[in-house]
Protein backbone atom coordinates (compact mmCIF):
# COMPACT_ATOMS: atom_id res chain seq x y z
CA MET A 1 -0.24 0.06 0.11
CA THR A 2 1.43 3.25 -0.76
CA THR A 3 2.01 5.81 1.93
CA CYS A 4 1.08 9.67 1.74
CA ALA A 5 4.72 10.42 2.16
CA ALA A 6 5.55 8.14 -0.65
CA ALA A 7 2.99 9.36 -2.72
CA THR A 8 4.33 12.92 -2.34
CA THR A 9 7.48 12.10 -4.06
CA GLN A 10 5.64 10.73 -7.22
CA VAL A 11 4.02 14.11 -7.53
CA ASP A 12 5.27 16.99 -10.36
CA LEU A 13 4.33 20.22 -7.94
CA THR A 14 4.44 22.21 -11.39
CA LYS A 15 1.46 20.27 -12.67
CA VAL A 16 -0.62 19.69 -9.44
CA LYS A 17 -4.10 18.35 -10.25
CA PRO A 18 -7.01 16.77 -7.74
CA TYR A 19 -6.69 13.31 -6.65
CA GLY A 20 -9.68 10.87 -6.06
CA ASP A 21 -8.75 7.07 -6.34
CA THR A 22 -5.37 7.28 -8.13
CA LEU A 23 -2.70 9.87 -8.04
CA ASN A 24 -3.34 12.32 -10.83
CA ASP A 25 -6.56 11.03 -11.67
CA GLY A 26 -8.03 14.92 -11.21
CA LYS A 27 -11.24 13.18 -9.95
CA VAL A 28 -13.69 16.19 -8.34
CA GLU A 29 -17.16 16.00 -7.08
CA LEU A 30 -19.01 19.17 -7.97
CA ALA A 31 -22.57 20.22 -6.28
CA PHE A 32 -24.69 22.85 -7.90
CA THR A 33 -27.93 24.25 -8.94
CA LEU A 34 -29.56 24.89 -12.54
CA PRO A 35 -32.80 26.74 -13.18
CA VAL A 36 -34.18 24.08 -15.14
CA PRO A 37 -37.32 21.68 -14.57
CA TYR A 38 -36.54 18.32 -12.97
CA GLY A 39 -35.96 15.48 -15.49
CA GLU A 40 -33.68 13.53 -17.67
CA GLU A 41 -33.00 16.60 -19.66
CA ALA A 42 -31.83 18.32 -16.43
CA ALA A 43 -29.20 15.55 -15.97
CA GLU A 44 -28.13 16.02 -19.41
CA THR A 45 -27.79 19.77 -19.03
CA ALA A 46 -25.45 19.46 -16.22
CA LYS A 47 -23.39 17.14 -17.71
CA GLN A 48 -22.88 19.01 -20.60
CA TRP A 49 -22.23 21.98 -18.46
CA VAL A 50 -19.59 20.39 -16.67
CA GLN A 51 -17.81 19.15 -20.12
CA LYS A 52 -17.79 22.80 -21.03
CA MET A 53 -16.16 23.51 -17.47
CA GLY A 54 -13.00 21.49 -18.68
CA PHE A 55 -14.27 17.92 -17.07
CA GLU A 56 -13.81 15.01 -18.65
CA GLU A 57 -16.34 11.71 -18.19
CA PRO A 58 -18.78 13.71 -16.19
CA ASN A 59 -21.17 11.65 -14.47
CA VAL A 60 -24.72 12.90 -12.74
CA THR A 61 -24.44 10.78 -9.69
CA TYR A 62 -27.50 12.40 -7.96
CA TYR A 63 -30.14 15.05 -8.66
CA HIS A 64 -33.33 16.26 -7.58
CA GLU A 65 -36.10 18.94 -7.47
CA LEU A 66 -35.64 22.18 -5.28
CA CYS A 67 -38.69 23.65 -6.39
CA PRO A 68 -40.38 23.75 -9.67
CA GLY A 69 -38.07 25.13 -12.24
CA TYR A 70 -34.77 24.30 -10.16
CA THR A 71 -32.87 21.18 -10.25
CA PHE A 72 -29.88 20.12 -7.58
CA PHE A 73 -27.07 18.23 -8.67
CA VAL A 74 -24.36 15.97 -7.84
CA VAL A 75 -21.56 15.37 -10.62
CA TYR A 76 -18.33 13.39 -10.41
CA GLY A 77 -15.76 14.12 -13.55
CA SER A 78 -12.11 14.14 -14.14
CA ALA A 79 -10.00 17.63 -14.17
CA THR A 80 -7.53 18.12 -16.92
CA ALA A 81 -6.49 21.67 -15.78
CA THR A 82 -3.24 21.66 -13.43
CA ILE A 83 -1.77 24.05 -11.52
CA ASP A 84 2.07 25.16 -10.99
CA TYR A 85 2.10 24.85 -7.06
CA THR A 86 5.90 26.33 -7.12
CA LYS A 87 4.55 29.64 -8.07
CA ILE A 88 1.98 30.06 -5.64
CA VAL A 89 2.33 33.12 -3.30
CA VAL A 90 -0.32 33.83 -0.75
CA PRO A 91 -0.30 36.90 1.30
CA LYS A 92 -0.26 35.79 5.04
CA VAL A 93 -0.57 37.82 8.45
CA ASP A 94 2.91 38.66 9.77
CA GLY A 95 4.30 37.56 13.10
CA GLU A 96 4.51 34.45 15.27
CA VAL A 97 1.19 32.83 16.55
CA PHE A 98 1.04 31.81 20.20
CA ASP A 99 -1.29 29.55 22.09
CA ARG A 100 -3.82 31.28 24.43
CA VAL A 101 -1.85 30.59 27.61
CA GLU A 102 1.29 31.99 25.90
CA CYS A 103 -0.15 34.99 24.45
CA GLY A 104 -1.37 36.24 28.21
CA GLU A 105 1.98 35.43 29.25
CA TRP A 106 3.68 37.41 26.41
CA ILE A 107 1.02 40.57 27.21
CA GLY A 108 2.38 40.55 30.52
CA GLU A 109 5.80 40.47 29.64
CA ASN A 110 5.66 42.64 26.69
CA ILE A 111 3.08 45.02 26.88
CA GLY A 112 2.67 45.59 30.91
CA ARG A 113 -1.09 46.19 30.49
CA ASP A 114 -4.43 44.73 29.42
CA ILE A 115 -5.01 44.82 25.60
CA VAL A 116 -8.58 46.18 24.94
CA VAL A 117 -10.44 45.20 21.97
CA VAL A 118 -14.18 45.32 20.75
CA GLY A 119 -15.78 43.19 18.04
CA ALA A 120 -19.36 43.07 16.43
CA SER A 121 -21.01 41.88 13.63
CA ILE A 122 -21.82 45.29 11.59
CA GLU A 123 -24.84 46.64 10.00
CA SER A 124 -27.26 44.15 8.58
CA ASP A 125 -25.28 41.09 9.40
CA ALA A 126 -27.35 39.31 12.30
CA HIS A 127 -24.95 36.37 12.35
CA THR A 128 -22.77 36.23 15.90
CA VAL A 129 -20.98 32.77 15.14
CA GLY A 130 -17.88 34.41 13.92
CA ILE A 131 -17.51 37.24 16.54
CA ASP A 132 -18.59 34.69 19.09
CA ALA A 133 -15.73 32.21 18.06
CA ILE A 134 -13.18 34.71 18.59
CA ILE A 135 -14.56 36.58 21.65
CA GLN A 136 -16.91 34.25 23.71
CA MET A 137 -15.05 32.20 26.45
CA LYS A 138 -16.23 28.99 25.04
CA GLY A 139 -14.76 29.84 21.89
CA PHE A 140 -15.05 27.13 19.17
CA HIS A 141 -13.88 23.84 18.13
CA GLY A 142 -11.76 23.45 21.34
CA HIS A 143 -10.40 27.10 20.80
CA PHE A 144 -11.25 29.21 23.77
CA GLY A 145 -12.11 32.81 23.19
CA LEU A 146 -10.44 36.25 24.10
CA GLU A 147 -12.70 36.31 27.42
CA ARG A 148 -10.81 33.45 28.64
CA PHE A 149 -7.25 34.99 27.74
CA LYS A 150 -5.18 36.32 30.65
CA ASN A 151 -4.41 40.27 30.13
CA VAL A 152 -7.25 40.69 27.53
CA VAL A 153 -10.12 42.56 27.91
CA ALA A 154 -12.60 42.08 25.13
CA TYR A 155 -16.13 43.43 24.49
CA ASN A 156 -18.60 41.63 22.31
CA MET A 157 -21.27 44.11 20.90
CA GLY A 158 -23.12 41.16 19.23
CA SER A 159 -24.92 41.92 15.55
CA GLN A 160 -26.52 44.08 13.54
CA VAL A 161 -24.35 46.84 14.87
CA PRO A 162 -23.87 50.13 13.01
CA CYS A 163 -20.21 50.79 12.11
CA GLU A 164 -20.76 54.31 14.05
CA ALA A 165 -21.70 52.31 17.28
CA LEU A 166 -19.08 49.97 17.27
CA ILE A 167 -16.30 53.13 16.52
CA ALA A 168 -18.22 54.80 19.48
CA LYS A 169 -17.99 51.80 21.68
CA ALA A 170 -13.85 51.66 20.85
CA LYS A 171 -13.30 55.25 21.90
CA GLU A 172 -15.26 54.98 25.00
CA VAL A 173 -13.22 51.95 26.30
CA ASN A 174 -9.65 53.24 24.53
CA ALA A 175 -9.62 50.07 22.74
CA ASP A 176 -6.65 48.97 21.30
CA ALA A 177 -8.36 46.84 18.41
CA ILE A 178 -11.48 46.53 16.41
CA LEU A 179 -12.45 43.11 15.33
CA VAL A 180 -15.42 43.17 12.67
CA SER A 181 -17.00 39.73 11.52
CA GLN A 182 -18.85 39.41 8.37
CA THR A 183 -21.02 36.13 8.11
CA VAL A 184 -23.45 37.19 5.32
CA THR A 185 -21.91 37.60 2.09
CA GLN A 186 -24.79 37.35 -0.68
CA LYS A 187 -24.03 40.04 -3.45
CA ASP A 188 -20.75 41.01 -2.02
CA ILE A 189 -22.50 42.76 0.98
CA HIS A 190 -19.63 42.12 3.11
CA ILE A 191 -17.32 44.29 1.19
CA MET A 192 -19.94 47.14 1.25
CA ASN A 193 -19.99 46.88 4.79
CA LEU A 194 -16.24 46.50 5.75
CA THR A 195 -15.44 49.37 2.97
CA LYS A 196 -18.00 51.71 5.30
CA MET A 197 -16.20 50.69 8.24
CA ALA A 198 -12.85 51.51 7.34
CA GLU A 199 -13.92 54.67 5.52
CA LEU A 200 -15.57 55.93 8.89
CA MET A 201 -12.55 55.06 10.69
CA GLU A 202 -10.25 56.97 8.24
CA ALA A 203 -13.14 59.77 8.39
CA GLU A 204 -12.83 60.22 12.31
CA GLY A 205 -9.24 60.32 12.21
CA LEU A 206 -8.59 57.04 13.89
CA ARG A 207 -7.31 54.80 11.38
CA ASP A 208 -4.03 54.73 12.70
CA LYS A 209 -4.86 54.95 16.56
CA MET A 210 -6.72 51.65 16.37
CA ILE A 211 -5.70 48.14 15.10
CA LEU A 212 -8.42 47.34 12.59
CA THR A 213 -9.04 43.65 11.49
CA CYS A 214 -11.76 41.59 10.18
CA GLY A 215 -12.91 37.78 9.74
CA GLY A 216 -15.48 35.78 8.05
CA PRO A 217 -15.94 32.83 5.58
CA ARG A 218 -14.85 34.70 2.66
CA ILE A 219 -12.34 37.02 4.36
CA SER A 220 -8.61 36.50 3.24
CA HIS A 221 -5.47 38.69 4.40
CA GLU A 222 -5.05 40.16 1.16
CA LEU A 223 -8.66 41.18 0.77
CA ALA A 224 -8.83 42.77 4.11
CA GLN A 225 -5.56 44.68 3.11
CA GLU A 226 -7.15 45.84 -0.02
CA LEU A 227 -10.27 47.12 1.94
CA GLY A 228 -8.10 49.14 4.42
CA TYR A 229 -7.71 46.98 7.00
CA ASP A 230 -4.38 45.68 9.09
CA ALA A 231 -5.37 42.05 8.87
CA GLY A 232 -7.73 39.38 8.12
CA PHE A 233 -8.77 35.80 9.36
CA GLY A 234 -10.79 33.64 7.20
CA PRO A 235 -11.85 29.96 8.13
CA GLY A 236 -9.16 27.63 9.81
CA LYS A 237 -8.37 30.85 12.31
CA TYR A 238 -9.13 31.24 15.73
CA ALA A 239 -8.86 33.47 19.07
CA GLU A 240 -5.16 32.90 19.36
CA HIS A 241 -4.34 33.88 15.73
CA VAL A 242 -6.53 37.35 16.07
CA MET A 243 -4.32 38.00 19.32
CA SER A 244 -1.25 36.75 18.55
CA PHE A 245 -1.05 39.60 15.66
CA VAL A 246 -2.78 42.12 17.69
CA MET A 247 -0.42 41.92 20.78
CA GLN A 248 2.61 41.91 18.20
CA GLU A 249 0.99 45.27 16.50
CA VAL A 250 0.60 46.84 19.89
CA LYS A 251 4.13 46.26 20.76
CA LYS A 252 5.40 47.35 17.00
CA ARG A 253 3.81 50.66 17.40
CA GLY A 254 4.97 51.55 20.72
CA TRP A 255 1.60 51.42 22.45
CA GLU A 256 2.67 49.49 25.60
CA LYS A 257 1.85 52.12 28.11
CA LYS A 258 -0.46 54.33 26.17
CA ALA A 259 -3.91 53.47 26.68
CA LYS A 260 -5.49 56.43 25.58
CA ILE A 261 -6.38 56.85 21.81
CA GLU A 262 -5.48 60.30 21.86
CA ASP A 263 -2.16 59.40 23.08
CA ARG A 264 -1.23 57.07 20.12
């Protein structure tokens, strides 16, 4: 039996493609909906569409009617396209990542005061799952939230918080950082909301006086920086990733003994 370690030695990293049953077979599973009535014609439509996407040997393994005129599909196929992995460059958040206990100790040794953060899901976004995962004590997936971190004071304002209210709270508590969560992404509403937040911070002259971060299912560090944020945290990132960045940024900016915004 071929081990994963042995298999990687057989891979041409300049021509990477999906792996299903056999190395380099290109096998993938696609799930999508088409605005066509349920039936055999629908299955054939899905098959031909997948072929036009560049997949070979498409096989419609499952399909059902969502509602009249709309059909959901699961299709298997073989990808022909390859990617040169050796040329991949991904912008990443700078700095070392510490665990929860290490963060608390690092802050005590290097900052000498509590780090204050304020977070919320802004504007129309009613989902708190993201901001709760980062701030609430119970955290998410075995990763405790910032409320459990030593030398950290975290305020969770919840959901549907106007940008103006989030900024006002940050000013009130002399926050070092603002954490913005965006779960809803339909029609790129997260881009509009995040842009509004960054522009308001700039308009109030606070952009360089607070660390501004954002997170969500479609957030990357690259996107966050494009929108005017200091860092972005997408899927697979937890409270320790956020605090590791914030605390090192506080040190970098020389805010150790400067708790008040006007003194920064």
